[in-house]
């Protein structure tokens, strides 16, 4: 399973702050880690419960997350990207 490391997430956080003229730094690392872990696990669990496989190459998720943060990609484009990587498991 491909997941984002804490270092990746902190870099994304910094990029979002820089692109949106937000403040600098991180107020509470523990809260960020918990929120990210819950969201990732919830998403992966939802896919598994519905027999849906998320297919990406190594590094693809991380690269796209940075693009979303820095290029202000809209919801429709994100949805299309996600849908292109989903596959129904046939058992």
PDB file of N, CA and C in Angstrom:
ATOM      1  N   UNK A   1       0.847  -1.166   0.000  1.00  0.00           N
ATOM      2  CA  UNK A   1       0.000   0.000   0.000  1.00  0.00           C
ATOM      3  C   UNK A   1       0.898   1.237   0.000  1.00  0.00           C
ATOM      4  N   UNK A   2       0.568   2.198  -0.842  1.00  0.00           N
ATOM      5  CA  UNK A   2       1.302   3.446  -0.917  1.00  0.00           C
ATOM      6  C   UNK A   2       0.635   4.457   0.009  1.00  0.00           C
ATOM      7  N   UNK A   3       1.426   5.057   0.881  1.00  0.00           N
ATOM      8  CA  UNK A   3       0.903   6.093   1.770  1.00  0.00           C
ATOM      9  C   UNK A   3       1.874   7.258   1.792  1.00  0.00           C
ATOM     10  N   UNK A   4       1.402   8.401   2.194  1.00  0.00           N
ATOM     11  CA  UNK A   4       2.249   9.570   2.329  1.00  0.00           C
ATOM     12  C   UNK A   4       2.961   9.533   3.679  1.00  0.00           C
ATOM     13  N   UNK A   5       4.238   9.855   3.671  1.00  0.00           N
ATOM     14  CA  UNK A   5       4.980   9.923   4.932  1.00  0.00           C
ATOM     15  C   UNK A   5       4.675  11.256   5.612  1.00  0.00           C
ATOM     16  N   UNK A   6       5.019  11.341   6.867  1.00  0.00           N
ATOM     17  CA  UNK A   6       4.829  12.586   7.607  1.00  0.00           C
ATOM     18  C   UNK A   6       5.618  13.718   6.942  1.00  0.00           C
ATOM     19  N   UNK A   7       6.805  13.403   6.449  1.00  0.00           N
ATOM     20  CA  UNK A   7       7.613  14.425   5.781  1.00  0.00           C
ATOM     21  C   UNK A   7       6.900  14.957   4.540  1.00  0.00           C
ATOM     22  N   UNK A   8       6.263  14.064   3.762  1.00  0.00           N
ATOM     23  CA  UNK A   8       5.497  14.493   2.587  1.00  0.00           C
ATOM     24  C   UNK A   8       4.371  15.429   3.012  1.00  0.00           C
ATOM     25  N   UNK A   9       3.659  15.050   4.054  1.00  0.00           N
ATOM     26  CA  UNK A   9       2.516  15.840   4.506  1.00  0.00           C
ATOM     27  C   UNK A   9       2.935  17.202   5.041  1.00  0.00           C
ATOM     28  N   UNK A  10       4.052  17.252   5.727  1.00  0.00           N
ATOM     29  CA  UNK A  10       4.546  18.540   6.212  1.00  0.00           C
ATOM     30  C   UNK A  10       4.959  19.431   5.045  1.00  0.00           C
ATOM     31  N   UNK A  11       5.537  18.839   4.016  1.00  0.00           N
ATOM     32  CA  UNK A  11       5.904  19.612   2.825  1.00  0.00           C
ATOM     33  C   UNK A  11       4.653  20.145   2.133  1.00  0.00           C
ATOM     34  N   UNK A  12       3.636  19.303   2.012  1.00  0.00           N
ATOM     35  CA  UNK A  12       2.373  19.740   1.410  1.00  0.00           C
ATOM     36  C   UNK A  12       1.765  20.867   2.239  1.00  0.00           C
ATOM     37  N   UNK A  13       1.776  20.703   3.554  1.00  0.00           N
ATOM     38  CA  UNK A  13       1.249  21.732   4.455  1.00  0.00           C
ATOM     39  C   UNK A  13       1.972  23.062   4.228  1.00  0.00           C
ATOM     40  N   UNK A  14       3.289  23.012   4.142  1.00  0.00           N
ATOM     41  CA  UNK A  14       4.073  24.221   3.913  1.00  0.00           C
ATOM     42  C   UNK A  14       3.753  24.850   2.564  1.00  0.00           C
ATOM     43  N   UNK A  15       3.581  24.017   1.534  1.00  0.00           N
ATOM     44  CA  UNK A  15       3.245  24.534   0.207  1.00  0.00           C
ATOM     45  C   UNK A  15       1.878  25.206   0.198  1.00  0.00           C
ATOM     46  N   UNK A  16       0.918  24.588   0.888  1.00  0.00           N
ATOM     47  CA  UNK A  16      -0.423  25.183   0.954  1.00  0.00           C
ATOM     48  C   UNK A  16      -0.360  26.533   1.659  1.00  0.00           C
ATOM     49  N   UNK A  17       0.357  26.588   2.763  1.00  0.00           N
ATOM     50  CA  UNK A  17       0.488  27.862   3.486  1.00  0.00           C
ATOM     51  C   UNK A  17       1.145  28.929   2.611  1.00  0.00           C
ATOM     52  N   UNK A  18       2.176  28.547   1.881  1.00  0.00           N
ATOM     53  CA  UNK A  18       2.876  29.500   1.022  1.00  0.00           C
ATOM     54  C   UNK A  18       1.982  29.988  -0.113  1.00  0.00           C
ATOM     55  N   UNK A  19       1.214  29.086  -0.698  1.00  0.00           N
ATOM     56  CA  UNK A  19       0.353  29.430  -1.834  1.00  0.00           C
ATOM     57  C   UNK A  19      -0.885  30.222  -1.429  1.00  0.00           C
ATOM     58  N   UNK A  20      -1.304  30.085  -0.189  1.00  0.00           N
ATOM     59  CA  UNK A  20      -2.539  30.744   0.249  1.00  0.00           C
ATOM     60  C   UNK A  20      -2.268  31.914   1.196  1.00  0.00           C
ATOM     61  N   UNK A  21      -1.020  32.320   1.300  1.00  0.00           N
ATOM     62  CA  UNK A  21      -0.620  33.394   2.199  1.00  0.00           C
ATOM     63  C   UNK A  21      -1.009  33.109   3.644  1.00  0.00           C
ATOM     64  N   UNK A  22      -0.937  31.841   4.016  1.00  0.00           N
ATOM     65  CA  UNK A  22      -1.228  31.448   5.396  1.00  0.00           C
ATOM     66  C   UNK A  22      -0.039  31.739   6.291  1.00  0.00           C
ATOM     67  N   UNK A  23      -0.226  31.494   7.564  1.00  0.00           N
ATOM     68  CA  UNK A  23       0.867  31.700   8.512  1.00  0.00           C
ATOM     69  C   UNK A  23       1.976  30.695   8.268  1.00  0.00           C
ATOM     70  N   UNK A  24       3.046  30.843   9.004  1.00  0.00           N
ATOM     71  CA  UNK A  24       4.163  29.924   8.865  1.00  0.00           C
ATOM     72  C   UNK A  24       4.139  28.888   9.974  1.00  0.00           C
ATOM     73  N   UNK A  25       4.635  27.712   9.661  1.00  0.00           N
ATOM     74  CA  UNK A  25       4.787  26.679  10.664  1.00  0.00           C
ATOM     75  C   UNK A  25       3.531  25.872  10.918  1.00  0.00           C
ATOM     76  N   UNK A  26       3.642  25.010  11.881  1.00  0.00           N
ATOM     77  CA  UNK A  26       2.571  24.092  12.235  1.00  0.00           C
ATOM     78  C   UNK A  26       2.270  24.263  13.718  1.00  0.00           C
ATOM     79  N   UNK A  27       1.012  24.457  14.042  1.00  0.00           N
ATOM     80  CA  UNK A  27       0.636  24.691  15.446  1.00  0.00           C
ATOM     81  C   UNK A  27       0.662  23.420  16.282  1.00  0.00           C
ATOM     82  N   UNK A  28       0.173  22.307  15.721  1.00  0.00           N
ATOM     83  CA  UNK A  28       0.046  21.090  16.515  1.00  0.00           C
ATOM     84  C   UNK A  28       0.271  19.867  15.633  1.00  0.00           C
ATOM     85  N   UNK A  29       1.486  19.334  15.661  1.00  0.00           N
ATOM     86  CA  UNK A  29       1.852  18.193  14.830  1.00  0.00           C
ATOM     87  C   UNK A  29       0.988  16.974  15.139  1.00  0.00           C
ATOM     88  N   UNK A  30       0.690  16.739  16.375  1.00  0.00           N
ATOM     89  CA  UNK A  30      -0.117  15.581  16.765  1.00  0.00           C
ATOM     90  C   UNK A  30      -1.505  15.608  16.145  1.00  0.00           C
ATOM     91  N   UNK A  31      -2.114  16.786  16.124  1.00  0.00           N
ATOM     92  CA  UNK A  31      -3.453  16.907  15.527  1.00  0.00           C
ATOM     93  C   UNK A  31      -3.406  16.683  14.023  1.00  0.00           C
ATOM     94  N   UNK A  32      -2.352  17.175  13.367  1.00  0.00           N
ATOM     95  CA  UNK A  32      -2.202  16.954  11.928  1.00  0.00           C
ATOM     96  C   UNK A  32      -2.041  15.475  11.633  1.00  0.00           C
ATOM     97  N   UNK A  33      -1.174  14.811  12.373  1.00  0.00           N
ATOM     98  CA  UNK A  33      -0.951  13.374  12.170  1.00  0.00           C
ATOM     99  C   UNK A  33      -2.240  12.582  12.366  1.00  0.00           C
ATOM    100  N   UNK A  34      -2.970  12.887  13.410  1.00  0.00           N
ATOM    101  CA  UNK A  34      -4.207  12.158  13.698  1.00  0.00           C
ATOM    102  C   UNK A  34      -5.251  12.380  12.606  1.00  0.00           C
ATOM    103  N   UNK A  35      -5.414  13.611  12.182  1.00  0.00           N
ATOM    104  CA  UNK A  35      -6.415  13.913  11.152  1.00  0.00           C
ATOM    105  C   UNK A  35      -6.077  13.220   9.844  1.00  0.00           C
ATOM    106  N   UNK A  36      -4.827  13.235   9.466  1.00  0.00           N
ATOM    107  CA  UNK A  36      -4.409  12.607   8.209  1.00  0.00           C
ATOM    108  C   UNK A  36      -4.577  11.098   8.287  1.00  0.00           C
ATOM    109  N   UNK A  37      -4.163  10.508   9.392  1.00  0.00           N
ATOM    110  CA  UNK A  37      -4.266   9.054   9.533  1.00  0.00           C
ATOM    111  C   UNK A  37      -5.716   8.602   9.449  1.00  0.00           C
ATOM    112  N   UNK A  38      -6.587   9.312  10.121  1.00  0.00           N
ATOM    113  CA  UNK A  38      -8.003   8.934  10.115  1.00  0.00           C
ATOM    114  C   UNK A  38      -8.581   9.060   8.708  1.00  0.00           C
ATOM    115  N   UNK A  39      -8.279  10.145   8.024  1.00  0.00           N
ATOM    116  CA  UNK A  39      -8.820  10.349   6.685  1.00  0.00           C
ATOM    117  C   UNK A  39      -8.314   9.306   5.702  1.00  0.00           C
ATOM    118  N   UNK A  40      -7.026   9.007   5.753  1.00  0.00           N
ATOM    119  CA  UNK A  40      -6.476   8.007   4.828  1.00  0.00           C
ATOM    120  C   UNK A  40      -7.065   6.627   5.105  1.00  0.00           C
ATOM    121  N   UNK A  41      -7.124   6.252   6.366  1.00  0.00           N
ATOM    122  CA  UNK A  41      -7.675   4.939   6.706  1.00  0.00           C
ATOM    123  C   UNK A  41      -9.159   4.844   6.369  1.00  0.00           C
ATOM    124  N   UNK A  42      -9.896   5.911   6.597  1.00  0.00           N
ATOM    125  CA  UNK A  42     -11.323   5.911   6.263  1.00  0.00           C
ATOM    126  C   UNK A  42     -11.510   5.738   4.752  1.00  0.00           C
ATOM    127  N   UNK A  43     -10.733   6.462   3.964  1.00  0.00           N
ATOM    128  CA  UNK A  43     -10.845   6.352   2.510  1.00  0.00           C
ATOM    129  C   UNK A  43     -10.473   4.972   2.000  1.00  0.00           C
ATOM    130  N   UNK A  44      -9.369   4.437   2.481  1.00  0.00           N
ATOM    131  CA  UNK A  44      -8.948   3.093   2.059  1.00  0.00           C
ATOM    132  C   UNK A  44      -9.935   2.025   2.517  1.00  0.00           C
ATOM    133  N   UNK A  45     -10.474   2.187   3.712  1.00  0.00           N
ATOM    134  CA  UNK A  45     -11.464   1.227   4.221  1.00  0.00           C
ATOM    135  C   UNK A  45     -12.732   1.263   3.381  1.00  0.00           C
ATOM    136  N   UNK A  46     -13.188   2.459   3.061  1.00  0.00           N
ATOM    137  CA  UNK A  46     -14.386   2.597   2.229  1.00  0.00           C
ATOM    138  C   UNK A  46     -14.191   1.906   0.869  1.00  0.00           C
ATOM    139  N   UNK A  47     -13.048   2.108   0.268  1.00  0.00           N
ATOM    140  CA  UNK A  47     -12.777   1.442  -1.010  1.00  0.00           C
ATOM    141  C   UNK A  47     -12.772  -0.076  -0.849  1.00  0.00           C
ATOM    142  N   UNK A  48     -12.093  -0.574   0.173  1.00  0.00           N
ATOM    143  CA  UNK A  48     -12.018  -2.026   0.393  1.00  0.00           C
ATOM    144  C   UNK A  48     -13.394  -2.620   0.659  1.00  0.00           C
ATOM    145  N   UNK A  49     -14.209  -1.967   1.467  1.00  0.00           N
ATOM    146  CA  UNK A  49     -15.555  -2.464   1.765  1.00  0.00           C
ATOM    147  C   UNK A  49     -16.408  -2.571   0.501  1.00  0.00           C
ATOM    148  N   UNK A  50     -16.105  -1.746  -0.479  1.00  0.00           N
ATOM    149  CA  UNK A  50     -16.861  -1.748  -1.721  1.00  0.00           C
ATOM    150  C   UNK A  50     -16.143  -2.485  -2.851  1.00  0.00           C
ATOM    151  N   UNK A  51     -15.134  -3.290  -2.485  1.00  0.00           N
ATOM    152  CA  UNK A  51     -14.356  -4.060  -3.464  1.00  0.00           C
ATOM    153  C   UNK A  51     -13.799  -3.189  -4.580  1.00  0.00           C
ATOM    154  N   UNK A  52     -13.286  -2.043  -4.208  1.00  0.00           N
ATOM    155  CA  UNK A  52     -12.694  -1.138  -5.184  1.00  0.00           C
ATOM    156  C   UNK A  52     -11.206  -1.016  -4.888  1.00  0.00           C
ATOM    157  N   UNK A  53     -10.411  -1.192  -5.924  1.00  0.00           N
ATOM    158  CA  UNK A  53      -8.964  -1.090  -5.790  1.00  0.00           C
ATOM    159  C   UNK A  53      -8.503   0.258  -6.327  1.00  0.00           C
ATOM    160  N   UNK A  54      -7.618   0.903  -5.600  1.00  0.00           N
ATOM    161  CA  UNK A  54      -7.045   2.171  -6.028  1.00  0.00           C
ATOM    162  C   UNK A  54      -5.684   1.865  -6.616  1.00  0.00           C
ATOM    163  N   UNK A  55      -5.514   2.106  -7.914  1.00  0.00           N
ATOM    164  CA  UNK A  55      -4.305   1.701  -8.624  1.00  0.00           C
ATOM    165  C   UNK A  55      -3.457   2.920  -8.995  1.00  0.00           C
ATOM    166  N   UNK A  56      -2.256   2.990  -8.417  1.00  0.00           N
ATOM    167  CA  UNK A  56      -1.322   4.066  -8.739  1.00  0.00           C
ATOM    168  C   UNK A  56       0.086   3.502  -8.810  1.00  0.00           C
ATOM    169  N   UNK A  57       0.958   4.247  -9.433  1.00  0.00           N
ATOM    170  CA  UNK A  57       2.366   3.863  -9.465  1.00  0.00           C
ATOM    171  C   UNK A  57       3.069   4.507  -8.264  1.00  0.00           C
ATOM    172  N   UNK A  58       4.240   3.998  -7.890  1.00  0.00           N
ATOM    173  CA  UNK A  58       4.959   4.571  -6.747  1.00  0.00           C
ATOM    174  C   UNK A  58       5.219   6.069  -6.939  1.00  0.00           C
ATOM    175  N   UNK A  59       4.884   6.837  -5.929  1.00  0.00           N
ATOM    176  CA  UNK A  59       5.105   8.273  -5.952  1.00  0.00           C
ATOM    177  C   UNK A  59       4.002   9.087  -6.609  1.00  0.00           C
ATOM    178  N   UNK A  60       3.077   8.433  -7.282  1.00  0.00           N
ATOM    179  CA  UNK A  60       2.031   9.150  -8.016  1.00  0.00           C
ATOM    180  C   UNK A  60       1.100   9.927  -7.089  1.00  0.00           C
ATOM    181  N   UNK A  61       0.708   9.330  -5.982  1.00  0.00           N
ATOM    182  CA  UNK A  61      -0.193  10.001  -5.043  1.00  0.00           C
ATOM    183  C   UNK A  61       0.493  11.226  -4.449  1.00  0.00           C
ATOM    184  N   UNK A  62       1.735  11.062  -4.030  1.00  0.00           N
ATOM    185  CA  UNK A  62       2.470  12.167  -3.434  1.00  0.00           C
ATOM    186  C   UNK A  62       2.603  13.331  -4.418  1.00  0.00           C
ATOM    187  N   UNK A  63       2.968  13.011  -5.657  1.00  0.00           N
ATOM    188  CA  UNK A  63       3.137  14.053  -6.673  1.00  0.00           C
ATOM    189  C   UNK A  63       1.826  14.788  -6.942  1.00  0.00           C
ATOM    190  N   UNK A  64       0.736  14.042  -7.009  1.00  0.00           N
ATOM    191  CA  UNK A  64      -0.543  14.686  -7.288  1.00  0.00           C
ATOM    192  C   UNK A  64      -1.000  15.537  -6.102  1.00  0.00           C
ATOM    193  N   UNK A  65      -0.730  15.084  -4.901  1.00  0.00           N
ATOM    194  CA  UNK A  65      -1.091  15.875  -3.713  1.00  0.00           C
ATOM    195  C   UNK A  65      -0.376  17.224  -3.735  1.00  0.00           C
ATOM    196  N   UNK A  66       0.884  17.228  -4.137  1.00  0.00           N
ATOM    197  CA  UNK A  66       1.623  18.484  -4.238  1.00  0.00           C
ATOM    198  C   UNK A  66       1.025  19.355  -5.341  1.00  0.00           C
ATOM    199  N   UNK A  67       0.660  18.758  -6.477  1.00  0.00           N
ATOM    200  CA  UNK A  67       0.027  19.522  -7.563  1.00  0.00           C
ATOM    201  C   UNK A  67      -1.283  20.158  -7.099  1.00  0.00           C
ATOM    202  N   UNK A  68      -2.078  19.404  -6.364  1.00  0.00           N
ATOM    203  CA  UNK A  68      -3.348  19.941  -5.850  1.00  0.00           C
ATOM    204  C   UNK A  68      -3.082  21.169  -4.990  1.00  0.00           C
ATOM    205  N   UNK A  69      -2.086  21.048  -4.126  1.00  0.00           N
ATOM    206  CA  UNK A  69      -1.782  22.135  -3.196  1.00  0.00           C
ATOM    207  C   UNK A  69      -1.199  23.360  -3.885  1.00  0.00           C
ATOM    208  N   UNK A  70      -0.393  23.161  -4.910  1.00  0.00           N
ATOM    209  CA  UNK A  70       0.319  24.287  -5.508  1.00  0.00           C
ATOM    210  C   UNK A  70      -0.348  24.853  -6.752  1.00  0.00           C
ATOM    211  N   UNK A  71      -1.140  24.052  -7.453  1.00  0.00           N
ATOM    212  CA  UNK A  71      -1.745  24.514  -8.708  1.00  0.00           C
ATOM    213  C   UNK A  71      -3.237  24.796  -8.592  1.00  0.00           C
ATOM    214  N   UNK A  72      -3.770  24.650  -7.378  1.00  0.00           N
ATOM    215  CA  UNK A  72      -5.190  24.938  -7.130  1.00  0.00           C
ATOM    216  C   UNK A  72      -6.091  24.161  -8.093  1.00  0.00           C
ATOM    217  N   UNK A  73      -5.854  22.871  -8.188  1.00  0.00           N
ATOM    218  CA  UNK A  73      -6.639  22.005  -9.063  1.00  0.00           C
ATOM    219  C   UNK A  73      -8.064  21.927  -8.531  1.00  0.00           C
ATOM    220  N   UNK A  74      -9.044  22.031  -9.428  1.00  0.00           N
ATOM    221  CA  UNK A  74     -10.440  22.059  -8.992  1.00  0.00           C
ATOM    222  C   UNK A  74     -10.974  20.653  -8.704  1.00  0.00           C
ATOM    223  N   UNK A  75     -12.096  20.619  -8.016  1.00  0.00           N
ATOM    224  CA  UNK A  75     -12.701  19.367  -7.559  1.00  0.00           C
ATOM    225  C   UNK A  75     -13.005  18.428  -8.722  1.00  0.00           C
ATOM    226  N   UNK A  76     -13.500  18.950  -9.828  1.00  0.00           N
ATOM    227  CA  UNK A  76     -13.842  18.121 -10.989  1.00  0.00           C
ATOM    228  C   UNK A  76     -12.600  17.396 -11.516  1.00  0.00           C
ATOM    229  N   UNK A  77     -11.486  18.102 -11.615  1.00  0.00           N
ATOM    230  CA  UNK A  77     -10.257  17.485 -12.101  1.00  0.00           C
ATOM    231  C   UNK A  77      -9.727  16.439 -11.107  1.00  0.00           C
ATOM    232  N   UNK A  78      -9.824  16.734  -9.822  1.00  0.00           N
ATOM    233  CA  UNK A  78      -9.405  15.772  -8.799  1.00  0.00           C
ATOM    234  C   UNK A  78     -10.273  14.522  -8.891  1.00  0.00           C
ATOM    235  N   UNK A  79     -11.577  14.711  -9.030  1.00  0.00           N
ATOM    236  CA  UNK A  79     -12.511  13.595  -9.158  1.00  0.00           C
ATOM    237  C   UNK A  79     -12.171  12.730 -10.372  1.00  0.00           C
ATOM    238  N   UNK A  80     -11.873  13.373 -11.492  1.00  0.00           N
ATOM    239  CA  UNK A  80     -11.508  12.628 -12.702  1.00  0.00           C
ATOM    240  C   UNK A  80     -10.226  11.830 -12.488  1.00  0.00           C
ATOM    241  N   UNK A  81      -9.247  12.428 -11.802  1.00  0.00           N
ATOM    242  CA  UNK A  81      -7.978  11.747 -11.530  1.00  0.00           C
ATOM    243  C   UNK A  81      -8.212  10.511 -10.650  1.00  0.00           C
ATOM    244  N   UNK A  82      -9.013  10.698  -9.597  1.00  0.00           N
ATOM    245  CA  UNK A  82      -9.306   9.576  -8.696  1.00  0.00           C
ATOM    246  C   UNK A  82     -10.071   8.466  -9.421  1.00  0.00           C
ATOM    247  N   UNK A  83     -11.099   8.842 -10.166  1.00  0.00           N
ATOM    248  CA  UNK A  83     -11.911   7.847 -10.876  1.00  0.00           C
ATOM    249  C   UNK A  83     -11.104   7.060 -11.900  1.00  0.00           C
ATOM    250  N   UNK A  84     -10.119   7.689 -12.502  1.00  0.00           N
ATOM    251  CA  UNK A  84      -9.284   7.004 -13.492  1.00  0.00           C
ATOM    252  C   UNK A  84      -8.421   5.920 -12.855  1.00  0.00           C
ATOM    253  N   UNK A  85      -8.265   5.965 -11.534  1.00  0.00           N
ATOM    254  CA  UNK A  85      -7.416   5.008 -10.838  1.00  0.00           C
ATOM    255  C   UNK A  85      -8.182   3.995  -9.994  1.00  0.00           C
ATOM    256  N   UNK A  86      -9.484   3.982 -10.148  1.00  0.00           N
ATOM    257  CA  UNK A  86     -10.297   3.016  -9.412  1.00  0.00           C
ATOM    258  C   UNK A  86     -10.665   1.850 -10.312  1.00  0.00           C
ATOM    259  N   UNK A  87     -10.691   0.660  -9.734  1.00  0.00           N
ATOM    260  CA  UNK A  87     -11.061  -0.539 -10.485  1.00  0.00           C
ATOM    261  C   UNK A  87     -11.924  -1.435  -9.605  1.00  0.00           C
ATOM    262  N   UNK A  88     -13.018  -1.899 -10.154  1.00  0.00           N
ATOM    263  CA  UNK A  88     -13.869  -2.865  -9.432  1.00  0.00           C
ATOM    264  C   UNK A  88     -13.136  -4.202  -9.419  1.00  0.00           C
ATOM    265  N   UNK A  89     -13.006  -4.807  -8.246  1.00  0.00           N
ATOM    266  CA  UNK A  89     -12.423  -6.157  -8.155  1.00  0.00           C
ATOM    267  C   UNK A  89     -13.451  -7.160  -8.620  1.00  0.00           C
ATOM    268  N   UNK A  90     -13.012  -8.088  -9.396  1.00  0.00           N
ATOM    269  CA  UNK A  90     -13.914  -9.136  -9.873  1.00  0.00           C
ATOM    270  C   UNK A  90     -13.476 -10.461  -9.265  1.00  0.00           C
ATOM    271  N   UNK A  91     -14.266 -10.954  -8.356  1.00  0.00           N
ATOM    272  CA  UNK A  91     -13.917 -12.199  -7.667  1.00  0.00           C
ATOM    273  C   UNK A  91     -14.967 -13.243  -7.915  1.00  0.00           C
TER     274      UNK A  91
END
